[in-house]
C-alpha cells in the first residue's frame, strides 16, 4: 500500500507551502487505479499559475484518513443531512 501521512493537527503542517494558492477542481475514483487492481482516488488541483496537478492514492487510505478526521471533528454531513445513515448513504 502506498504510504500516506495522515495529520490530525494540520494547522501549520505545511509551513513552506502557500496552501491558499491552489484550488481543488475535481476528485474521482478509479475502479482499478492501483497496481494490484484495487480502487484509487485521484485529485485534480489547479495552481495559481493555471498549471494542473493530479495526485493519486488508494481509496483505502483516503477512507481511513476521512474516518480519522470524522472521529476527531465529527461528521459535518450531520448538520445538513440529519436523517442520513451513519457513515454515508444507503
PDB file of N, CA and C in Angstrom:
ATOM      1  N   UNK A   1       0.848  -1.184   0.000  1.00  0.00           N
ATOM      2  CA  UNK A   1       0.000   0.000   0.000  1.00  0.00           C
ATOM      3  C   UNK A   1       0.892   1.245   0.000  1.00  0.00           C
ATOM      4  N   UNK A   2       0.493   2.240  -0.752  1.00  0.00           N
ATOM      5  CA  UNK A   2       1.242   3.490  -0.838  1.00  0.00           C
ATOM      6  C   UNK A   2       1.172   4.226   0.498  1.00  0.00           C
ATOM      7  N   UNK A   3       2.297   4.666   1.039  1.00  0.00           N
ATOM      8  CA  UNK A   3       2.247   5.391   2.316  1.00  0.00           C
ATOM      9  C   UNK A   3       1.604   6.766   2.159  1.00  0.00           C
ATOM     10  N   UNK A   4       0.877   7.152   3.175  1.00  0.00           N
ATOM     11  CA  UNK A   4       0.248   8.471   3.215  1.00  0.00           C
ATOM     12  C   UNK A   4       0.288   8.945   4.657  1.00  0.00           C
ATOM     13  N   UNK A   5       0.865  10.098   4.889  1.00  0.00           N
ATOM     14  CA  UNK A   5       0.939  10.656   6.237  1.00  0.00           C
ATOM     15  C   UNK A   5      -0.390  11.345   6.536  1.00  0.00           C
ATOM     16  N   UNK A   6      -1.076  10.889   7.570  1.00  0.00           N
ATOM     17  CA  UNK A   6      -2.345  11.482   7.989  1.00  0.00           C
ATOM     18  C   UNK A   6      -2.057  12.381   9.177  1.00  0.00           C
ATOM     19  N   UNK A   7      -2.339  13.664   9.016  1.00  0.00           N
ATOM     20  CA  UNK A   7      -2.015  14.662  10.040  1.00  0.00           C
ATOM     21  C   UNK A   7      -3.317  15.159  10.668  1.00  0.00           C
ATOM     22  N   UNK A   8      -3.524  14.837  11.929  1.00  0.00           N
ATOM     23  CA  UNK A   8      -4.751  15.239  12.612  1.00  0.00           C
ATOM     24  C   UNK A   8      -4.668  16.651  13.193  1.00  0.00           C
ATOM     25  N   UNK A   9      -3.475  17.145  13.387  1.00  0.00           N
ATOM     26  CA  UNK A   9      -3.267  18.521  13.858  1.00  0.00           C
ATOM     27  C   UNK A   9      -2.640  19.283  12.698  1.00  0.00           C
ATOM     28  N   UNK A  10      -3.427  19.652  11.700  1.00  0.00           N
ATOM     29  CA  UNK A  10      -2.917  20.158  10.441  1.00  0.00           C
ATOM     30  C   UNK A  10      -2.541  21.623  10.377  1.00  0.00           C
ATOM     31  N   UNK A  11      -2.964  22.439  11.346  1.00  0.00           N
ATOM     32  CA  UNK A  11      -2.598  23.860  11.309  1.00  0.00           C
ATOM     33  C   UNK A  11      -1.082  23.991  11.360  1.00  0.00           C
ATOM     34  N   UNK A  12      -0.510  24.599  10.346  1.00  0.00           N
ATOM     35  CA  UNK A  12       0.930  24.776  10.281  1.00  0.00           C
ATOM     36  C   UNK A  12       1.675  23.553   9.770  1.00  0.00           C
ATOM     37  N   UNK A  13       0.953  22.576   9.239  1.00  0.00           N
ATOM     38  CA  UNK A  13       1.597  21.338   8.798  1.00  0.00           C
ATOM     39  C   UNK A  13       2.482  21.528   7.576  1.00  0.00           C
ATOM     40  N   UNK A  14       2.209  22.552   6.773  1.00  0.00           N
ATOM     41  CA  UNK A  14       2.975  22.791   5.542  1.00  0.00           C
ATOM     42  C   UNK A  14       3.481  24.235   5.542  1.00  0.00           C
ATOM     43  N   UNK A  15       4.441  24.554   6.410  1.00  0.00           N
ATOM     44  CA  UNK A  15       4.839  25.955   6.600  1.00  0.00           C
ATOM     45  C   UNK A  15       5.489  26.606   5.385  1.00  0.00           C
ATOM     46  N   UNK A  16       6.084  25.841   4.489  1.00  0.00           N
ATOM     47  CA  UNK A  16       6.800  26.445   3.360  1.00  0.00           C
ATOM     48  C   UNK A  16       5.974  26.419   2.077  1.00  0.00           C
ATOM     49  N   UNK A  17       4.688  26.057   2.188  1.00  0.00           N
ATOM     50  CA  UNK A  17       3.827  25.963   1.011  1.00  0.00           C
ATOM     51  C   UNK A  17       2.625  26.874   1.206  1.00  0.00           C
ATOM     52  N   UNK A  18       2.292  27.659   0.181  1.00  0.00           N
ATOM     53  CA  UNK A  18       1.113  28.524   0.224  1.00  0.00           C
ATOM     54  C   UNK A  18      -0.116  27.674  -0.061  1.00  0.00           C
ATOM     55  N   UNK A  19      -0.789  27.199   1.001  1.00  0.00           N
ATOM     56  CA  UNK A  19      -1.927  26.311   0.793  1.00  0.00           C
ATOM     57  C   UNK A  19      -3.181  27.061   0.354  1.00  0.00           C
ATOM     58  N   UNK A  20      -3.159  28.390   0.383  1.00  0.00           N
ATOM     59  CA  UNK A  20      -4.305  29.166  -0.076  1.00  0.00           C
ATOM     60  C   UNK A  20      -4.235  29.454  -1.573  1.00  0.00           C
ATOM     61  N   UNK A  21      -3.169  29.052  -2.223  1.00  0.00           N
ATOM     62  CA  UNK A  21      -2.978  29.413  -3.621  1.00  0.00           C
ATOM     63  C   UNK A  21      -3.659  28.515  -4.623  1.00  0.00           C
ATOM     64  N   UNK A  22      -3.813  27.246  -4.319  1.00  0.00           N
ATOM     65  CA  UNK A  22      -4.387  26.314  -5.277  1.00  0.00           C
ATOM     66  C   UNK A  22      -5.877  26.139  -5.072  1.00  0.00           C
ATOM     67  N   UNK A  23      -6.492  25.487  -6.048  1.00  0.00           N
ATOM     68  CA  UNK A  23      -7.928  25.235  -5.977  1.00  0.00           C
ATOM     69  C   UNK A  23      -8.209  23.782  -6.340  1.00  0.00           C
ATOM     70  N   UNK A  24      -8.973  23.115  -5.499  1.00  0.00           N
ATOM     71  CA  UNK A  24      -9.396  21.750  -5.779  1.00  0.00           C
ATOM     72  C   UNK A  24     -10.459  21.789  -6.863  1.00  0.00           C
ATOM     73  N   UNK A  25     -10.192  21.140  -7.981  1.00  0.00           N
ATOM     74  CA  UNK A  25     -11.102  21.188  -9.127  1.00  0.00           C
ATOM     75  C   UNK A  25     -11.960  19.942  -9.261  1.00  0.00           C
ATOM     76  N   UNK A  26     -11.412  18.772  -8.951  1.00  0.00           N
ATOM     77  CA  UNK A  26     -12.166  17.529  -9.125  1.00  0.00           C
ATOM     78  C   UNK A  26     -11.554  16.422  -8.291  1.00  0.00           C
ATOM     79  N   UNK A  27     -12.388  15.449  -7.975  1.00  0.00           N
ATOM     80  CA  UNK A  27     -11.933  14.240  -7.291  1.00  0.00           C
ATOM     81  C   UNK A  27     -12.652  13.073  -7.955  1.00  0.00           C
ATOM     82  N   UNK A  28     -11.926  12.004  -8.229  1.00  0.00           N
ATOM     83  CA  UNK A  28     -12.509  10.879  -8.956  1.00  0.00           C
ATOM     84  C   UNK A  28     -12.020   9.559  -8.386  1.00  0.00           C
ATOM     85  N   UNK A  29     -12.870   8.561  -8.437  1.00  0.00           N
ATOM     86  CA  UNK A  29     -12.460   7.209  -8.071  1.00  0.00           C
ATOM     87  C   UNK A  29     -12.140   6.455  -9.361  1.00  0.00           C
ATOM     88  N   UNK A  30     -11.014   5.776  -9.354  1.00  0.00           N
ATOM     89  CA  UNK A  30     -10.580   4.973 -10.489  1.00  0.00           C
ATOM     90  C   UNK A  30     -10.758   3.511 -10.096  1.00  0.00           C
ATOM     91  N   UNK A  31     -11.608   2.811 -10.800  1.00  0.00           N
ATOM     92  CA  UNK A  31     -12.015   1.455 -10.421  1.00  0.00           C
ATOM     93  C   UNK A  31     -10.845   0.517 -10.126  1.00  0.00           C
ATOM     94  N   UNK A  32      -9.821   0.542 -10.928  1.00  0.00           N
ATOM     95  CA  UNK A  32      -8.656  -0.334 -10.726  1.00  0.00           C
ATOM     96  C   UNK A  32      -7.385   0.510 -10.834  1.00  0.00           C
ATOM     97  N   UNK A  33      -7.372   1.629 -10.122  1.00  0.00           N
ATOM     98  CA  UNK A  33      -6.271   2.578 -10.245  1.00  0.00           C
ATOM     99  C   UNK A  33      -4.963   2.150  -9.616  1.00  0.00           C
ATOM    100  N   UNK A  34      -5.016   1.236  -8.672  1.00  0.00           N
ATOM    101  CA  UNK A  34      -3.789   0.778  -8.020  1.00  0.00           C
ATOM    102  C   UNK A  34      -3.188  -0.372  -8.832  1.00  0.00           C
ATOM    103  N   UNK A  35      -1.890  -0.574  -8.704  1.00  0.00           N
ATOM    104  CA  UNK A  35      -1.218  -1.602  -9.492  1.00  0.00           C
ATOM    105  C   UNK A  35      -1.775  -2.998  -9.221  1.00  0.00           C
ATOM    106  N   UNK A  36      -2.304  -3.231  -8.034  1.00  0.00           N
ATOM    107  CA  UNK A  36      -2.893  -4.529  -7.706  1.00  0.00           C
ATOM    108  C   UNK A  36      -4.335  -4.679  -8.142  1.00  0.00           C
ATOM    109  N   UNK A  37      -4.898  -3.611  -8.728  1.00  0.00           N
ATOM    110  CA  UNK A  37      -6.264  -3.681  -9.225  1.00  0.00           C
ATOM    111  C   UNK A  37      -7.324  -3.102  -8.308  1.00  0.00           C
ATOM    112  N   UNK A  38      -6.947  -2.658  -7.110  1.00  0.00           N
ATOM    113  CA  UNK A  38      -7.937  -2.068  -6.204  1.00  0.00           C
ATOM    114  C   UNK A  38      -8.195  -0.608  -6.582  1.00  0.00           C
ATOM    115  N   UNK A  39      -9.314  -0.038  -6.093  1.00  0.00           N
ATOM    116  CA  UNK A  39      -9.661   1.335  -6.464  1.00  0.00           C
ATOM    117  C   UNK A  39      -8.696   2.366  -5.888  1.00  0.00           C
ATOM    118  N   UNK A  40      -8.553   3.447  -6.630  1.00  0.00           N
ATOM    119  CA  UNK A  40      -7.756   4.587  -6.150  1.00  0.00           C
ATOM    120  C   UNK A  40      -8.595   5.850  -6.277  1.00  0.00           C
ATOM    121  N   UNK A  41      -8.104   6.908  -5.670  1.00  0.00           N
ATOM    122  CA  UNK A  41      -8.751   8.216  -5.750  1.00  0.00           C
ATOM    123  C   UNK A  41      -7.738   9.192  -6.337  1.00  0.00           C
ATOM    124  N   UNK A  42      -8.168   9.928  -7.354  1.00  0.00           N
ATOM    125  CA  UNK A  42      -7.331  10.954  -7.975  1.00  0.00           C
ATOM    126  C   UNK A  42      -7.930  12.320  -7.674  1.00  0.00           C
ATOM    127  N   UNK A  43      -7.070  13.281  -7.355  1.00  0.00           N
ATOM    128  CA  UNK A  43      -7.487  14.639  -7.030  1.00  0.00           C
ATOM    129  C   UNK A  43      -6.814  15.585  -8.020  1.00  0.00           C
ATOM    130  N   UNK A  44      -7.608  16.448  -8.636  1.00  0.00           N
ATOM    131  CA  UNK A  44      -7.089  17.435  -9.584  1.00  0.00           C
ATOM    132  C   UNK A  44      -7.039  18.794  -8.905  1.00  0.00           C
ATOM    133  N   UNK A  45      -5.840  19.383  -8.870  1.00  0.00           N
ATOM    134  CA  UNK A  45      -5.630  20.708  -8.291  1.00  0.00           C
ATOM    135  C   UNK A  45      -5.200  21.660  -9.391  1.00  0.00           C
ATOM    136  N   UNK A  46      -5.686  22.906  -9.308  1.00  0.00           N
ATOM    137  CA  UNK A  46      -5.209  23.940 -10.229  1.00  0.00           C
ATOM    138  C   UNK A  46      -4.429  24.967  -9.427  1.00  0.00           C
ATOM    139  N   UNK A  47      -3.177  25.194  -9.827  1.00  0.00           N
ATOM    140  CA  UNK A  47      -2.311  26.145  -9.148  1.00  0.00           C
ATOM    141  C   UNK A  47      -2.611  27.560  -9.623  1.00  0.00           C
ATOM    142  N   UNK A  48      -2.193  28.587  -8.878  1.00  0.00           N
ATOM    143  CA  UNK A  48      -2.440  29.972  -9.286  1.00  0.00           C
ATOM    144  C   UNK A  48      -1.885  30.305 -10.676  1.00  0.00           C
ATOM    145  N   UNK A  49      -0.876  29.560 -11.109  1.00  0.00           N
ATOM    146  CA  UNK A  49      -0.282  29.773 -12.434  1.00  0.00           C
ATOM    147  C   UNK A  49      -1.136  29.195 -13.552  1.00  0.00           C
ATOM    148  N   UNK A  50      -2.175  28.432 -13.178  1.00  0.00           N
ATOM    149  CA  UNK A  50      -3.002  27.760 -14.165  1.00  0.00           C
ATOM    150  C   UNK A  50      -2.571  26.321 -14.409  1.00  0.00           C
ATOM    151  N   UNK A  51      -1.388  25.980 -13.916  1.00  0.00           N
ATOM    152  CA  UNK A  51      -0.902  24.614 -14.059  1.00  0.00           C
ATOM    153  C   UNK A  51      -1.796  23.671 -13.261  1.00  0.00           C
ATOM    154  N   UNK A  52      -2.034  22.482 -13.818  1.00  0.00           N
ATOM    155  CA  UNK A  52      -2.862  21.488 -13.140  1.00  0.00           C
ATOM    156  C   UNK A  52      -1.984  20.336 -12.662  1.00  0.00           C
ATOM    157  N   UNK A  53      -2.317  19.827 -11.479  1.00  0.00           N
ATOM    158  CA  UNK A  53      -1.564  18.746 -10.860  1.00  0.00           C
ATOM    159  C   UNK A  53      -2.563  17.689 -10.395  1.00  0.00           C
ATOM    160  N   UNK A  54      -2.226  16.425 -10.631  1.00  0.00           N
ATOM    161  CA  UNK A  54      -3.058  15.317 -10.162  1.00  0.00           C
ATOM    162  C   UNK A  54      -2.268  14.522  -9.139  1.00  0.00           C
ATOM    163  N   UNK A  55      -2.914  14.226  -8.021  1.00  0.00           N
ATOM    164  CA  UNK A  55      -2.336  13.344  -7.005  1.00  0.00           C
ATOM    165  C   UNK A  55      -3.266  12.149  -6.857  1.00  0.00           C
ATOM    166  N   UNK A  56      -2.672  10.988  -6.600  1.00  0.00           N
ATOM    167  CA  UNK A  56      -3.466   9.768  -6.532  1.00  0.00           C
ATOM    168  C   UNK A  56      -3.026   8.932  -5.343  1.00  0.00           C
ATOM    169  N   UNK A  57      -3.982   8.308  -4.669  1.00  0.00           N
ATOM    170  CA  UNK A  57      -3.704   7.372  -3.592  1.00  0.00           C
ATOM    171  C   UNK A  57      -4.808   6.331  -3.574  1.00  0.00           C
ATOM    172  N   UNK A  58      -4.676   5.346  -2.738  1.00  0.00           N
ATOM    173  CA  UNK A  58      -5.681   4.286  -2.697  1.00  0.00           C
ATOM    174  C   UNK A  58      -6.962   4.779  -2.016  1.00  0.00           C
ATOM    175  N   UNK A  59      -8.071   4.204  -2.434  1.00  0.00           N
ATOM    176  CA  UNK A  59      -9.348   4.505  -1.789  1.00  0.00           C
ATOM    177  C   UNK A  59      -9.289   4.126  -0.316  1.00  0.00           C
ATOM    178  N   UNK A  60      -8.602   3.027  -0.005  1.00  0.00           N
ATOM    179  CA  UNK A  60      -8.487   2.583   1.386  1.00  0.00           C
ATOM    180  C   UNK A  60      -7.791   3.628   2.253  1.00  0.00           C
ATOM    181  N   UNK A  61      -6.722   4.240   1.740  1.00  0.00           N
ATOM    182  CA  UNK A  61      -6.010   5.259   2.530  1.00  0.00           C
ATOM    183  C   UNK A  61      -6.845   6.522   2.699  1.00  0.00           C
ATOM    184  N   UNK A  62      -7.510   6.970   1.632  1.00  0.00           N
ATOM    185  CA  UNK A  62      -8.363   8.163   1.756  1.00  0.00           C
ATOM    186  C   UNK A  62      -9.505   7.899   2.731  1.00  0.00           C
ATOM    187  N   UNK A  63     -10.123   6.723   2.632  1.00  0.00           N
ATOM    188  CA  UNK A  63     -11.219   6.381   3.540  1.00  0.00           C
ATOM    189  C   UNK A  63     -10.747   6.359   4.989  1.00  0.00           C
ATOM    190  N   UNK A  64      -9.560   5.817   5.226  1.00  0.00           N
ATOM    191  CA  UNK A  64      -9.005   5.793   6.583  1.00  0.00           C
ATOM    192  C   UNK A  64      -8.758   7.199   7.098  1.00  0.00           C
ATOM    193  N   UNK A  65      -8.183   8.058   6.264  1.00  0.00           N
ATOM    194  CA  UNK A  65      -7.929   9.444   6.671  1.00  0.00           C
ATOM    195  C   UNK A  65      -9.241  10.149   7.007  1.00  0.00           C
ATOM    196  N   UNK A  66     -10.241   9.999   6.162  1.00  0.00           N
ATOM    197  CA  UNK A  66     -11.529  10.660   6.408  1.00  0.00           C
ATOM    198  C   UNK A  66     -12.170  10.123   7.679  1.00  0.00           C
ATOM    199  N   UNK A  67     -12.107   8.812   7.892  1.00  0.00           N
ATOM    200  CA  UNK A  67     -12.631   8.241   9.143  1.00  0.00           C
ATOM    201  C   UNK A  67     -11.960   8.875  10.350  1.00  0.00           C
ATOM    202  N   UNK A  68     -10.643   9.046  10.286  1.00  0.00           N
ATOM    203  CA  UNK A  68      -9.906   9.647  11.408  1.00  0.00           C
ATOM    204  C   UNK A  68     -10.311  11.105  11.615  1.00  0.00           C
ATOM    205  N   UNK A  69     -10.488  11.853  10.523  1.00  0.00           N
ATOM    206  CA  UNK A  69     -10.905  13.255  10.637  1.00  0.00           C
ATOM    207  C   UNK A  69     -12.301  13.351  11.256  1.00  0.00           C
ATOM    208  N   UNK A  70     -13.206  12.446  10.863  1.00  0.00           N
ATOM    209  CA  UNK A  70     -14.571  12.457  11.407  1.00  0.00           C
ATOM    210  C   UNK A  70     -14.566  12.106  12.890  1.00  0.00           C
ATOM    211  N   UNK A  71     -13.747  11.156  13.295  1.00  0.00           N
ATOM    212  CA  UNK A  71     -13.646  10.822  14.716  1.00  0.00           C
ATOM    213  C   UNK A  71     -13.193  12.051  15.502  1.00  0.00           C
ATOM    214  N   UNK A  72     -12.234  12.781  14.963  1.00  0.00           N
ATOM    215  CA  UNK A  72     -11.699  13.957  15.665  1.00  0.00           C
ATOM    216  C   UNK A  72     -12.662  15.145  15.665  1.00  0.00           C
ATOM    217  N   UNK A  73     -13.328  15.396  14.521  1.00  0.00           N
ATOM    218  CA  UNK A  73     -14.104  16.630  14.364  1.00  0.00           C
ATOM    219  C   UNK A  73     -15.607  16.417  14.221  1.00  0.00           C
ATOM    220  N   UNK A  74     -16.071  15.192  14.176  1.00  0.00           N
ATOM    221  CA  UNK A  74     -17.482  14.914  13.955  1.00  0.00           C
ATOM    222  C   UNK A  74     -17.777  14.882  12.459  1.00  0.00           C
ATOM    223  N   UNK A  75     -18.945  14.373  12.119  1.00  0.00           N
ATOM    224  CA  UNK A  75     -19.342  14.235  10.719  1.00  0.00           C
ATOM    225  C   UNK A  75     -20.077  15.509  10.293  1.00  0.00           C
ATOM    226  N   UNK A  76     -19.487  16.312   9.409  1.00  0.00           N
ATOM    227  CA  UNK A  76     -20.122  17.575   9.017  1.00  0.00           C
ATOM    228  C   UNK A  76     -21.407  17.372   8.232  1.00  0.00           C
ATOM    229  N   UNK A  77     -21.636  16.176   7.690  1.00  0.00           N
ATOM    230  CA  UNK A  77     -22.872  15.904   6.952  1.00  0.00           C
ATOM    231  C   UNK A  77     -24.074  15.889   7.881  1.00  0.00           C
ATOM    232  N   UNK A  78     -23.874  15.636   9.157  1.00  0.00           N
ATOM    233  CA  UNK A  78     -24.978  15.551  10.104  1.00  0.00           C
ATOM    234  C   UNK A  78     -25.754  16.867  10.182  1.00  0.00           C
ATOM    235  N   UNK A  79     -25.062  17.988  10.011  1.00  0.00           N
ATOM    236  CA  UNK A  79     -25.729  19.297  10.091  1.00  0.00           C
ATOM    237  C   UNK A  79     -26.619  19.566   8.885  1.00  0.00           C
ATOM    238  N   UNK A  80     -26.230  19.062   7.726  1.00  0.00           N
ATOM    239  CA  UNK A  80     -27.005  19.339   6.515  1.00  0.00           C
ATOM    240  C   UNK A  80     -27.894  18.169   6.108  1.00  0.00           C
ATOM    241  N   UNK A  81     -27.612  16.978   6.630  1.00  0.00           N
ATOM    242  CA  UNK A  81     -28.416  15.789   6.314  1.00  0.00           C
ATOM    243  C   UNK A  81     -28.707  15.025   7.607  1.00  0.00           C
ATOM    244  N   UNK A  82     -29.541  15.594   8.496  1.00  0.00           N
ATOM    245  CA  UNK A  82     -29.738  14.970   9.809  1.00  0.00           C
ATOM    246  C   UNK A  82     -30.331  13.555   9.761  1.00  0.00           C
ATOM    247  N   UNK A  83     -31.018  13.198   8.675  1.00  0.00           N
ATOM    248  CA  UNK A  83     -31.628  11.872   8.580  1.00  0.00           C
ATOM    249  C   UNK A  83     -30.751  10.855   7.859  1.00  0.00           C
ATOM    250  N   UNK A  84     -29.550  11.286   7.462  1.00  0.00           N
ATOM    251  CA  UNK A  84     -28.646  10.386   6.738  1.00  0.00           C
ATOM    252  C   UNK A  84     -28.148   9.286   7.666  1.00  0.00           C
ATOM    253  N   UNK A  85     -28.005   8.065   7.141  1.00  0.00           N
ATOM    254  CA  UNK A  85     -27.470   6.990   7.988  1.00  0.00           C
ATOM    255  C   UNK A  85     -26.012   7.247   8.311  1.00  0.00           C
ATOM    256  N   UNK A  86     -25.536   6.763   9.456  1.00  0.00           N
ATOM    257  CA  UNK A  86     -24.120   6.944   9.811  1.00  0.00           C
ATOM    258  C   UNK A  86     -23.218   6.336   8.741  1.00  0.00           C
ATOM    259  N   UNK A  87     -22.125   7.018   8.456  1.00  0.00           N
ATOM    260  CA  UNK A  87     -21.160   6.500   7.502  1.00  0.00           C
ATOM    261  C   UNK A  87     -21.475   6.783   6.047  1.00  0.00           C
ATOM    262  N   UNK A  88     -22.458   7.619   5.775  1.00  0.00           N
ATOM    263  CA  UNK A  88     -22.755   7.966   4.385  1.00  0.00           C
ATOM    264  C   UNK A  88     -24.112   7.512   3.932  1.00  0.00           C
ATOM    265  N   UNK A  89     -24.236   7.241   2.636  1.00  0.00           N
ATOM    266  CA  UNK A  89     -25.530   6.919   2.060  1.00  0.00           C
ATOM    267  C   UNK A  89     -25.806   5.425   2.063  1.00  0.00           C
ATOM    268  N   UNK A  90     -27.030   5.055   1.846  1.00  0.00           N
ATOM    269  CA  UNK A  90     -27.561   3.698   1.692  1.00  0.00           C
ATOM    270  C   UNK A  90     -29.041   3.746   1.882  1.00  0.00           C
TER     271      UNK A  90
END
